[in-house]
Amino acid sequence: MTAILLQPIQSTLQRWQQYLMPGTCLLCADDSGSALLCPACSADLPTLPEIRCPQCGEQTTHGERCGACLKDPPAFTRTHALFRYEFPLDRLIQALKYGHQLALAAWAGDQLAPIIEAADYDSLIPLPLHPLRLRERGFNQSIEIARRLARHTGLPLDHQSLIRRRATAPQAELAIKERARNVRGAFECQRDLSGRRLLLIDDVMTTGATLREAARVLALHGATRIDLAVIARALKH
């Protein structure tokens, strides 16, 4: 009964807090109310073209599978993504990973939730960090995004089956041709995933080399369906 009586009071306090202390947009520093971004900046985020490869999300002419997926088919079936990885979306990702703006992980999970059909999957698998990198950063942004997505979808969050056993050089520091070799053998699966339908979560997909390798390991351990979900996808142009 006490909780019921307090709800109107809490709601009123929240409205007054938003009025007296409005939030600041992370991109333009304008008032954004209770949101991280103001409406104008949210509307300006670079969305992906609708016509793209259904498997890796790269832009194609007619929505067909791209040449890379035809030549070397990845272990994942589909890529869910919302934005192009370019300005100003790239600033948000960098603020999350290197500026410790963890509220952006919740924002990313909120953005992804409407395009994920929970009935298609058995669990969420966040892309793991090596313990050394995790110690440096203090958190895994993929786990934080997946945690929010799990709240929306009701899917269990599995951050123990897939581990990163080898510390690798940051992909961004390497030439594109070196990235696949850099992450080869970097992941290890500790469970039998036979028959499981998995949604692999990360923040950004650039060349896709890291996610390809992680999906390959999950498939080797029996997963029958692996899809990807990222907040941003870098296109070749």
C-alpha atoms as a PDB file:
ATOM      1  CA  MET A   1       0.000   0.000   0.000  1.00  0.00           C
ATOM      2  CA  THR A   2       2.844   2.373   0.885  1.00  0.00           C
ATOM      3  CA  ALA A   3       4.511   1.732  -2.471  1.00  0.00           C
ATOM      4  CA  ILE A   4       1.270   2.508  -4.309  1.00  0.00           C
ATOM      5  CA  LEU A   5       0.880   5.806  -2.427  1.00  0.00           C
ATOM      6  CA  LEU A   6       4.476   6.795  -3.159  1.00  0.00           C
ATOM      7  CA  GLN A   7       4.241   6.270  -6.930  1.00  0.00           C
ATOM      8  CA  PRO A   8       2.432   9.573  -7.707  1.00  0.00           C
ATOM      9  CA  ILE A   9       4.890  11.438  -5.480  1.00  0.00           C
ATOM     10  CA  GLN A  10       7.910   9.870  -7.201  1.00  0.00           C
ATOM     11  CA  SER A  11       6.455  10.632 -10.621  1.00  0.00           C
ATOM     12  CA  THR A  12       5.928  14.279  -9.650  1.00  0.00           C
ATOM     13  CA  LEU A  13       9.470  14.557  -8.297  1.00  0.00           C
ATOM     14  CA  GLN A  14      10.890  13.117 -11.520  1.00  0.00           C
ATOM     15  CA  ARG A  15       8.958  15.645 -13.628  1.00  0.00           C
ATOM     16  CA  TRP A  16      10.179  18.535 -11.473  1.00  0.00           C
ATOM     17  CA  GLN A  17      13.759  17.214 -11.647  1.00  0.00           C
ATOM     18  CA  GLN A  18      13.597  17.155 -15.441  1.00  0.00           C
ATOM     19  CA  TYR A  19      12.200  20.687 -15.444  1.00  0.00           C
ATOM     20  CA  LEU A  20      14.713  22.167 -13.012  1.00  0.00           C
ATOM     21  CA  MET A  21      17.771  20.135 -14.080  1.00  0.00           C
ATOM     22  CA  PRO A  22      17.369  19.171 -17.743  1.00  0.00           C
ATOM     23  CA  GLY A  23      19.816  16.720 -19.242  1.00  0.00           C
ATOM     24  CA  THR A  24      22.551  17.756 -21.653  1.00  0.00           C
ATOM     25  CA  CYS A  25      22.766  16.218 -25.103  1.00  0.00           C
ATOM     26  CA  LEU A  26      25.994  14.239 -25.437  1.00  0.00           C
ATOM     27  CA  LEU A  27      26.548  15.529 -28.959  1.00  0.00           C
ATOM     28  CA  CYS A  28      25.524  19.199 -29.030  1.00  0.00           C
ATOM     29  CA  ALA A  29      25.265  20.025 -25.287  1.00  0.00           C
ATOM     30  CA  ASP A  30      21.732  21.352 -25.754  1.00  0.00           C
ATOM     31  CA  ASP A  31      18.981  20.484 -23.289  1.00  0.00           C
ATOM     32  CA  SER A  32      17.765  16.933 -23.832  1.00  0.00           C
ATOM     33  CA  GLY A  33      15.392  16.428 -20.892  1.00  0.00           C
ATOM     34  CA  SER A  34      15.762  12.897 -19.573  1.00  0.00           C
ATOM     35  CA  ALA A  35      17.267  11.581 -22.829  1.00  0.00           C
ATOM     36  CA  LEU A  36      20.953  11.250 -23.704  1.00  0.00           C
ATOM     37  CA  LEU A  37      20.458  12.958 -27.060  1.00  0.00           C
ATOM     38  CA  CYS A  38      18.245  15.860 -28.017  1.00  0.00           C
ATOM     39  CA  PRO A  39      15.588  15.198 -30.699  1.00  0.00           C
ATOM     40  CA  ALA A  40      17.592  17.014 -33.379  1.00  0.00           C
ATOM     41  CA  CYS A  41      20.749  14.971 -32.820  1.00  0.00           C
ATOM     42  CA  SER A  42      18.769  11.726 -32.627  1.00  0.00           C
ATOM     43  CA  ALA A  43      17.210  12.534 -35.990  1.00  0.00           C
ATOM     44  CA  ASP A  44      20.646  13.249 -37.493  1.00  0.00           C
ATOM     45  CA  LEU A  45      22.206   9.881 -36.625  1.00  0.00           C
ATOM     46  CA  PRO A  46      23.350   8.148 -39.843  1.00  0.00           C
ATOM     47  CA  THR A  47      21.019   5.247 -40.529  1.00  0.00           C
ATOM     48  CA  LEU A  48      21.966   2.281 -42.689  1.00  0.00           C
ATOM     49  CA  PRO A  49      20.514   1.883 -46.182  1.00  0.00           C
ATOM     50  CA  GLU A  50      17.638  -0.584 -46.332  1.00  0.00           C
ATOM     51  CA  ILE A  51      19.150  -2.427 -49.295  1.00  0.00           C
ATOM     52  CA  ARG A  52      22.135  -4.367 -48.020  1.00  0.00           C
ATOM     53  CA  CYS A  53      23.558  -7.872 -47.690  1.00  0.00           C
ATOM     54  CA  PRO A  54      21.240  -9.814 -45.349  1.00  0.00           C
ATOM     55  CA  GLN A  55      24.181 -11.740 -43.953  1.00  0.00           C
ATOM     56  CA  CYS A  56      26.852  -9.168 -43.094  1.00  0.00           C
ATOM     57  CA  GLY A  57      24.954  -5.889 -43.545  1.00  0.00           C
ATOM     58  CA  GLU A  58      27.246  -4.461 -46.244  1.00  0.00           C
ATOM     59  CA  GLN A  59      25.517  -2.295 -48.842  1.00  0.00           C
ATOM     60  CA  THR A  60      24.627  -4.130 -52.071  1.00  0.00           C
ATOM     61  CA  THR A  61      22.830  -3.147 -55.253  1.00  0.00           C
ATOM     62  CA  HIS A  62      19.640  -5.167 -54.896  1.00  0.00           C
ATOM     63  CA  GLY A  63      19.810  -6.498 -51.359  1.00  0.00           C
ATOM     64  CA  GLU A  64      21.595  -9.664 -52.467  1.00  0.00           C
ATOM     65  CA  ARG A  65      24.408 -11.361 -50.550  1.00  0.00           C
ATOM     66  CA  CYS A  66      27.665  -9.509 -51.049  1.00  0.00           C
ATOM     67  CA  GLY A  67      30.667 -10.965 -52.813  1.00  0.00           C
ATOM     68  CA  ALA A  68      32.597 -11.467 -49.562  1.00  0.00           C
ATOM     69  CA  CYS A  69      29.829 -13.604 -48.032  1.00  0.00           C
ATOM     70  CA  LEU A  70      29.511 -15.633 -51.235  1.00  0.00           C
ATOM     71  CA  LYS A  71      33.242 -16.201 -51.524  1.00  0.00           C
ATOM     72  CA  ASP A  72      33.859 -16.999 -47.853  1.00  0.00           C
ATOM     73  CA  PRO A  73      30.503 -17.630 -46.101  1.00  0.00           C
ATOM     74  CA  PRO A  74      30.587 -16.638 -42.411  1.00  0.00           C
ATOM     75  CA  ALA A  75      29.153 -18.852 -39.698  1.00  0.00           C
ATOM     76  CA  PHE A  76      26.502 -16.245 -38.862  1.00  0.00           C
ATOM     77  CA  THR A  77      23.259 -15.988 -40.802  1.00  0.00           C
ATOM     78  CA  ARG A  78      22.160 -12.402 -40.336  1.00  0.00           C
ATOM     79  CA  THR A  79      23.372  -9.043 -39.047  1.00  0.00           C
ATOM     80  CA  HIS A  80      21.058  -6.709 -37.134  1.00  0.00           C
ATOM     81  CA  ALA A  81      22.372  -3.151 -37.234  1.00  0.00           C
ATOM     82  CA  LEU A  82      20.873   0.318 -37.061  1.00  0.00           C
ATOM     83  CA  PHE A  83      23.456   2.980 -37.856  1.00  0.00           C
ATOM     84  CA  ARG A  84      26.412   3.632 -40.109  1.00  0.00           C
ATOM     85  CA  TYR A  85      29.653   3.895 -38.197  1.00  0.00           C
ATOM     86  CA  GLU A  86      30.488   7.469 -39.076  1.00  0.00           C
ATOM     87  CA  PHE A  87      30.097  10.937 -37.592  1.00  0.00           C
ATOM     88  CA  PRO A  88      28.445  11.596 -35.193  1.00  0.00           C
ATOM     89  CA  LEU A  89      27.584   8.013 -34.224  1.00  0.00           C
ATOM     90  CA  ASP A  90      31.278   7.173 -33.972  1.00  0.00           C
ATOM     91  CA  ARG A  91      31.619   9.832 -31.259  1.00  0.00           C
ATOM     92  CA  LEU A  92      29.005   8.045 -29.156  1.00  0.00           C
ATOM     93  CA  ILE A  93      30.736   4.681 -29.487  1.00  0.00           C
ATOM     94  CA  GLN A  94      34.070   6.223 -28.509  1.00  0.00           C
ATOM     95  CA  ALA A  95      32.449   7.962 -25.546  1.00  0.00           C
ATOM     96  CA  LEU A  96      31.114   4.598 -24.400  1.00  0.00           C
ATOM     97  CA  LYS A  97      34.325   2.614 -24.817  1.00  0.00           C
ATOM     98  CA  TYR A  98      36.949   5.171 -23.839  1.00  0.00           C
ATOM     99  CA  GLY A  99      34.985   7.834 -21.984  1.00  0.00           C
ATOM    100  CA  HIS A 100      33.166   5.405 -19.668  1.00  0.00           C
ATOM    101  CA  GLN A 101      29.776   6.844 -20.633  1.00  0.00           C
ATOM    102  CA  LEU A 102      28.011   3.615 -19.645  1.00  0.00           C
ATOM    103  CA  ALA A 103      24.576   5.158 -20.097  1.00  0.00           C
ATOM    104  CA  LEU A 104      25.242   4.814 -23.825  1.00  0.00           C
ATOM    105  CA  ALA A 105      25.276   1.021 -23.472  1.00  0.00           C
ATOM    106  CA  ALA A 106      21.726   1.163 -22.138  1.00  0.00           C
ATOM    107  CA  TRP A 107      20.810   3.542 -24.964  1.00  0.00           C
ATOM    108  CA  ALA A 108      22.273   1.101 -27.512  1.00  0.00           C
ATOM    109  CA  GLY A 109      20.291  -1.784 -26.036  1.00  0.00           C
ATOM    110  CA  ASP A 110      17.129   0.328 -26.177  1.00  0.00           C
ATOM    111  CA  GLN A 111      17.763   1.117 -29.844  1.00  0.00           C
ATOM    112  CA  LEU A 112      18.371  -2.513 -30.805  1.00  0.00           C
ATOM    113  CA  ALA A 113      15.463  -4.025 -28.903  1.00  0.00           C
ATOM    114  CA  PRO A 114      12.682  -3.160 -31.418  1.00  0.00           C
ATOM    115  CA  ILE A 115      14.436  -4.978 -34.276  1.00  0.00           C
ATOM    116  CA  ILE A 116      15.173  -8.184 -32.338  1.00  0.00           C
ATOM    117  CA  GLU A 117      12.611 -10.983 -32.351  1.00  0.00           C
ATOM    118  CA  ALA A 118      13.189 -12.802 -29.054  1.00  0.00           C
ATOM    119  CA  ALA A 119      11.460 -15.980 -30.240  1.00  0.00           C
ATOM    120  CA  ASP A 120      14.261 -16.514 -32.783  1.00  0.00           C
ATOM    121  CA  TYR A 121      16.951 -17.051 -30.138  1.00  0.00           C
ATOM    122  CA  ASP A 122      17.779 -19.047 -27.032  1.00  0.00           C
ATOM    123  CA  SER A 123      20.341 -16.690 -25.514  1.00  0.00           C
ATOM    124  CA  LEU A 124      22.485 -13.588 -25.965  1.00  0.00           C
ATOM    125  CA  ILE A 125      26.260 -13.945 -26.251  1.00  0.00           C
ATOM    126  CA  PRO A 126      28.260 -10.723 -25.761  1.00  0.00           C
ATOM    127  CA  LEU A 127      31.607 -10.588 -27.523  1.00  0.00           C
ATOM    128  CA  PRO A 128      34.178 -11.162 -24.753  1.00  0.00           C
ATOM    129  CA  LEU A 129      37.244  -9.099 -23.945  1.00  0.00           C
ATOM    130  CA  HIS A 130      40.550 -10.612 -22.940  1.00  0.00           C
ATOM    131  CA  PRO A 131      41.089 -10.293 -19.151  1.00  0.00           C
ATOM    132  CA  LEU A 132      43.990  -7.881 -19.707  1.00  0.00           C
ATOM    133  CA  ARG A 133      41.860  -5.558 -21.848  1.00  0.00           C
ATOM    134  CA  LEU A 134      38.956  -5.887 -19.411  1.00  0.00           C
ATOM    135  CA  ARG A 135      41.245  -4.871 -16.551  1.00  0.00           C
ATOM    136  CA  GLU A 136      42.429  -1.818 -18.486  1.00  0.00           C
ATOM    137  CA  ARG A 137      38.966  -0.656 -19.516  1.00  0.00           C
ATOM    138  CA  GLY A 138      37.097  -1.713 -16.392  1.00  0.00           C
ATOM    139  CA  PHE A 139      34.053  -3.025 -18.243  1.00  0.00           C
ATOM    140  CA  ASN A 140      32.985  -4.836 -21.397  1.00  0.00           C
ATOM    141  CA  GLN A 141      30.726  -2.600 -23.480  1.00  0.00           C
ATOM    142  CA  SER A 142      29.268  -5.629 -25.295  1.00  0.00           C
ATOM    143  CA  ILE A 143      28.123  -7.138 -21.996  1.00  0.00           C
ATOM    144  CA  GLU A 144      26.552  -3.840 -20.949  1.00  0.00           C
ATOM    145  CA  ILE A 145      24.633  -3.559 -24.247  1.00  0.00           C
ATOM    146  CA  ALA A 146      23.562  -7.196 -24.016  1.00  0.00           C
ATOM    147  CA  ARG A 147      22.444  -6.712 -20.421  1.00  0.00           C
ATOM    148  CA  ARG A 148      20.017  -3.989 -21.484  1.00  0.00           C
ATOM    149  CA  LEU A 149      18.841  -6.019 -24.475  1.00  0.00           C
ATOM    150  CA  ALA A 150      18.195  -8.988 -22.186  1.00  0.00           C
ATOM    151  CA  ARG A 151      15.884  -6.807 -20.085  1.00  0.00           C
ATOM    152  CA  HIS A 152      13.857  -5.907 -23.161  1.00  0.00           C
ATOM    153  CA  THR A 153      13.686  -9.363 -24.720  1.00  0.00           C
ATOM    154  CA  GLY A 154      13.649 -11.636 -21.689  1.00  0.00           C
ATOM    155  CA  LEU A 155      16.453 -13.700 -23.252  1.00  0.00           C
ATOM    156  CA  PRO A 156      19.119 -15.104 -20.922  1.00  0.00           C
ATOM    157  CA  LEU A 157      22.520 -13.441 -21.030  1.00  0.00           C
ATOM    158  CA  ASP A 158      25.356 -15.944 -21.437  1.00  0.00           C
ATOM    159  CA  HIS A 159      28.749 -14.344 -20.883  1.00  0.00           C
ATOM    160  CA  GLN A 160      30.552 -17.524 -19.829  1.00  0.00           C
ATOM    161  CA  SER A 161      30.343 -19.877 -22.811  1.00  0.00           C
ATOM    162  CA  LEU A 162      32.570 -17.779 -25.073  1.00  0.00           C
ATOM    163  CA  ILE A 163      35.878 -16.473 -23.733  1.00  0.00           C
ATOM    164  CA  ARG A 164      38.802 -14.623 -25.269  1.00  0.00           C
ATOM    165  CA  ARG A 165      41.849 -16.725 -24.554  1.00  0.00           C
ATOM    166  CA  ARG A 166      44.471 -14.746 -26.461  1.00  0.00           C
ATOM    167  CA  ALA A 167      45.264 -11.068 -26.161  1.00  0.00           C
ATOM    168  CA  THR A 168      45.435  -9.531 -29.622  1.00  0.00           C
ATOM    169  CA  ALA A 169      46.511  -6.190 -31.034  1.00  0.00           C
ATOM    170  CA  PRO A 170      43.609  -3.714 -31.403  1.00  0.00           C
ATOM    171  CA  GLN A 171      41.986  -4.291 -34.789  1.00  0.00           C
ATOM    172  CA  ALA A 172      41.804  -0.558 -35.495  1.00  0.00           C
ATOM    173  CA  GLU A 173      45.606  -0.393 -35.510  1.00  0.00           C
ATOM    174  CA  LEU A 174      45.955  -3.040 -38.229  1.00  0.00           C
ATOM    175  CA  ALA A 175      45.542  -3.058 -41.984  1.00  0.00           C
ATOM    176  CA  ILE A 176      42.342  -4.697 -43.182  1.00  0.00           C
ATOM    177  CA  LYS A 177      44.186  -7.724 -44.600  1.00  0.00           C
ATOM    178  CA  GLU A 178      45.861  -8.383 -41.245  1.00  0.00           C
ATOM    179  CA  ARG A 179      42.724  -8.367 -39.108  1.00  0.00           C
ATOM    180  CA  ALA A 180      41.480 -11.896 -39.789  1.00  0.00           C
ATOM    181  CA  ARG A 181      44.915 -13.340 -38.996  1.00  0.00           C
ATOM    182  CA  ASN A 182      45.126 -11.234 -35.843  1.00  0.00           C
ATOM    183  CA  VAL A 183      41.994 -12.764 -34.280  1.00  0.00           C
ATOM    184  CA  ARG A 184      42.438 -16.320 -35.568  1.00  0.00           C
ATOM    185  CA  GLY A 185      42.290 -18.616 -32.536  1.00  0.00           C
ATOM    186  CA  ALA A 186      41.533 -15.745 -30.165  1.00  0.00           C
ATOM    187  CA  PHE A 187      38.285 -17.255 -28.864  1.00  0.00           C
ATOM    188  CA  GLU A 188      37.415 -20.412 -27.009  1.00  0.00           C
ATOM    189  CA  CYS A 189      34.038 -21.971 -26.235  1.00  0.00           C
ATOM    190  CA  GLN A 190      33.647 -23.788 -22.920  1.00  0.00           C
ATOM    191  CA  ARG A 191      30.249 -25.445 -23.431  1.00  0.00           C
ATOM    192  CA  ASP A 192      28.388 -27.711 -25.789  1.00  0.00           C
ATOM    193  CA  LEU A 193      25.998 -25.460 -27.713  1.00  0.00           C
ATOM    194  CA  SER A 194      24.319 -28.148 -29.778  1.00  0.00           C
ATOM    195  CA  GLY A 195      20.979 -26.970 -31.143  1.00  0.00           C
ATOM    196  CA  ARG A 196      21.297 -23.494 -29.658  1.00  0.00           C
ATOM    197  CA  ARG A 197      20.177 -20.360 -31.489  1.00  0.00           C
ATOM    198  CA  LEU A 198      22.440 -17.500 -30.476  1.00  0.00           C
ATOM    199  CA  LEU A 199      22.520 -13.738 -30.893  1.00  0.00           C
ATOM    200  CA  LEU A 200      26.105 -12.475 -30.734  1.00  0.00           C
ATOM    201  CA  ILE A 201      26.317  -8.889 -29.437  1.00  0.00           C
ATOM    202  CA  ASP A 202      28.948  -6.220 -30.072  1.00  0.00           C
ATOM    203  CA  ASP A 203      29.038  -2.441 -30.362  1.00  0.00           C
ATOM    204  CA  VAL A 204      30.489  -1.983 -33.865  1.00  0.00           C
ATOM    205  CA  MET A 205      31.105  -4.149 -36.917  1.00  0.00           C
ATOM    206  CA  THR A 206      33.833  -2.817 -39.200  1.00  0.00           C
ATOM    207  CA  THR A 207      35.483  -5.488 -41.375  1.00  0.00           C
ATOM    208  CA  GLY A 208      33.655  -8.177 -39.425  1.00  0.00           C
ATOM    209  CA  ALA A 209      36.805 -10.229 -38.833  1.00  0.00           C
ATOM    210  CA  THR A 210      36.397 -10.459 -35.053  1.00  0.00           C
ATOM    211  CA  LEU A 211      32.718 -11.381 -35.190  1.00  0.00           C
ATOM    212  CA  ARG A 212      33.394 -13.893 -37.961  1.00  0.00           C
ATOM    213  CA  GLU A 213      35.961 -15.667 -35.808  1.00  0.00           C
ATOM    214  CA  ALA A 214      33.720 -15.666 -32.732  1.00  0.00           C
ATOM    215  CA  ALA A 215      30.790 -17.047 -34.759  1.00  0.00           C
ATOM    216  CA  ARG A 216      33.033 -19.726 -36.259  1.00  0.00           C
ATOM    217  CA  VAL A 217      33.986 -20.981 -32.795  1.00  0.00           C
ATOM    218  CA  LEU A 218      30.350 -21.003 -31.640  1.00  0.00           C
ATOM    219  CA  ALA A 219      29.345 -22.997 -34.734  1.00  0.00           C
ATOM    220  CA  LEU A 220      32.129 -25.524 -34.122  1.00  0.00           C
ATOM    221  CA  HIS A 221      30.575 -26.163 -30.713  1.00  0.00           C
ATOM    222  CA  GLY A 222      27.176 -27.010 -32.121  1.00  0.00           C
ATOM    223  CA  ALA A 223      25.211 -23.750 -32.422  1.00  0.00           C
ATOM    224  CA  THR A 224      22.673 -24.211 -35.210  1.00  0.00           C
ATOM    225  CA  ARG A 225      21.933 -20.527 -35.744  1.00  0.00           C
ATOM    226  CA  ILE A 226      24.108 -17.514 -35.032  1.00  0.00           C
ATOM    227  CA  ASP A 227      23.041 -13.943 -35.787  1.00  0.00           C
ATOM    228  CA  LEU A 228      24.788 -10.694 -34.993  1.00  0.00           C
ATOM    229  CA  ALA A 229      23.461  -7.534 -33.361  1.00  0.00           C
ATOM    230  CA  VAL A 230      25.533  -4.339 -33.414  1.00  0.00           C
ATOM    231  CA  ILE A 231      24.579  -0.731 -32.929  1.00  0.00           C
ATOM    232  CA  ALA A 232      26.742   0.420 -35.854  1.00  0.00           C
ATOM    233  CA  ARG A 233      28.077  -1.033 -39.104  1.00  0.00           C
ATOM    234  CA  ALA A 234      30.974   0.459 -41.070  1.00  0.00           C
ATOM    235  CA  LEU A 235      30.367   0.425 -44.817  1.00  0.00           C
ATOM    236  CA  LYS A 236      33.194   0.123 -47.332  1.00  0.00           C
ATOM    237  CA  HIS A 237      32.677   3.578 -48.801  1.00  0.00           C
END
